[in-house]
Amino acid sequence: MASIITASIDVTKIPKDKLVDGKKGKYLNIDIIINDESKFGNNTAVTVRQSKEERDAEQPKTYLGNGRVVWTDGKVSLAENDEEPKSNPADDLYGDLDF
């Protein structure tokens, strides 16, 4: 499985309260959404990742930018995690990321 996505984001839209201090720097958790349909030559969107509480409250997503898939081998699969989850994925759709 392989794909390359090119995207641009508006860094002025990054909410400072969403920046996370990690062991090697500051991080922003994002989601990259790939759509089957293309609009204006773009088929991806980049948003700030929402917490389960934000999703449950149906708060609007913070849209940062868009992009396009520029190359793919035609196969996309879910990433596998070799470590045991630190939280229940049912509690948070995306789980926790280690930095």
Protein backbone atom coordinates (compact mmCIF):
# COMPACT_ATOMS: atom_id res chain seq x y z
CA MET A 1 0.00 0.00 0.00
CA ALA A 2 1.34 3.38 -0.91
CA SER A 3 0.01 6.84 -1.69
CA ILE A 4 1.39 10.34 -1.88
CA ILE A 5 -0.79 13.29 -0.90
CA THR A 6 0.24 16.90 -1.43
CA ALA A 7 -1.56 19.57 0.61
CA SER A 8 -1.38 23.17 1.80
CA ILE A 9 -2.70 24.48 5.10
CA ASP A 10 -3.41 27.96 6.42
CA VAL A 11 -1.21 28.07 9.53
CA THR A 12 -3.04 31.18 10.80
CA LYS A 13 -6.09 28.94 11.43
CA ILE A 14 -4.22 26.61 13.83
CA PRO A 15 -5.82 26.98 17.29
CA LYS A 16 -2.96 27.45 19.77
CA ASP A 17 -4.85 25.47 22.43
CA LYS A 18 -4.66 22.40 20.18
CA LEU A 19 -0.85 22.34 20.11
CA VAL A 20 0.52 19.43 22.14
CA ASP A 21 3.91 19.39 23.85
CA GLY A 22 5.74 16.19 23.01
CA LYS A 23 9.15 14.73 23.83
CA LYS A 24 10.70 16.14 20.65
CA GLY A 25 8.68 19.30 19.96
CA LYS A 26 5.19 20.75 19.58
CA TYR A 27 2.60 18.81 17.61
CA LEU A 28 -0.81 19.39 16.07
CA ASN A 29 -3.05 16.36 15.64
CA ILE A 30 -4.78 16.54 12.27
CA ASP A 31 -7.07 14.45 10.14
CA ILE A 32 -6.57 14.08 6.41
CA ILE A 33 -9.79 13.13 4.67
CA ILE A 34 -9.67 11.57 1.21
CA ASN A 35 -12.80 11.90 -0.90
CA ASP A 36 -13.68 9.78 -3.92
CA GLU A 37 -14.85 12.90 -5.75
CA SER A 38 -12.62 15.77 -6.82
CA LYS A 39 -13.62 19.40 -6.41
CA PHE A 40 -11.48 22.11 -8.02
CA GLY A 41 -8.73 19.53 -8.58
CA ASN A 42 -8.55 18.61 -4.88
CA ASN A 43 -9.75 15.40 -3.28
CA THR A 44 -8.35 15.74 0.25
CA ALA A 45 -9.14 18.00 3.19
CA VAL A 46 -7.02 18.73 6.28
CA THR A 47 -8.77 19.45 9.59
CA VAL A 48 -7.73 19.75 13.25
CA ARG A 49 -8.50 16.47 15.00
CA GLN A 50 -11.50 16.69 17.32
CA SER A 51 -11.89 15.01 20.70
CA LYS A 52 -14.73 12.57 21.25
CA GLU A 53 -16.49 15.24 23.30
CA GLU A 54 -16.19 17.76 20.45
CA ARG A 55 -17.54 15.21 17.97
CA ASP A 56 -20.41 14.23 20.29
CA ALA A 57 -21.32 17.92 20.74
CA GLU A 58 -21.24 18.26 16.94
CA GLN A 59 -18.84 21.21 17.14
CA PRO A 60 -17.71 22.46 13.73
CA LYS A 61 -14.39 21.19 12.44
CA THR A 62 -11.46 23.57 12.04
CA TYR A 63 -10.63 23.34 8.35
CA LEU A 64 -6.95 24.03 7.65
CA GLY A 65 -6.62 23.36 3.93
CA ASN A 66 -6.90 20.90 1.10
CA GLY A 67 -4.84 18.88 -1.32
CA ARG A 68 -4.85 16.02 -3.73
CA VAL A 69 -3.67 12.47 -4.07
CA VAL A 70 -0.85 12.73 -6.61
CA TRP A 71 0.15 9.06 -6.70
CA THR A 72 -1.26 5.78 -5.45
CA ASP A 73 -0.76 2.12 -6.11
CA GLY A 74 -4.53 1.74 -5.83
CA LYS A 75 -4.52 0.01 -2.46
CA VAL A 76 -5.27 1.66 0.87
CA SER A 77 -5.28 -0.32 4.10
CA LEU A 78 -5.60 0.47 7.78
CA ALA A 79 -2.37 1.04 9.67
CA GLU A 80 -1.48 -1.67 12.15
CA ASN A 81 -0.19 -0.91 15.63
CA ASP A 82 2.35 -3.31 17.10
CA GLU A 83 1.82 -1.94 20.63
CA GLU A 84 -1.14 -2.47 22.90
CA PRO A 85 -3.52 0.52 22.88
CA LYS A 86 -3.13 2.91 25.81
CA SER A 87 -6.83 3.74 25.74
CA ASN A 88 -9.96 2.06 24.57
CA PRO A 89 -10.46 3.00 20.88
CA ALA A 90 -14.20 3.02 21.55
CA ASP A 91 -13.61 5.95 23.94
CA ASP A 92 -11.72 7.94 21.33
CA LEU A 93 -12.16 6.99 17.69
CA TYR A 94 -8.53 7.84 16.91
CA GLY A 95 -6.79 6.57 20.07
CA ASP A 96 -3.77 8.30 21.58
CA LEU A 97 -0.61 9.12 19.66
CA ASP A 98 2.82 8.84 21.27
CA PHE A 99 5.29 11.67 20.75
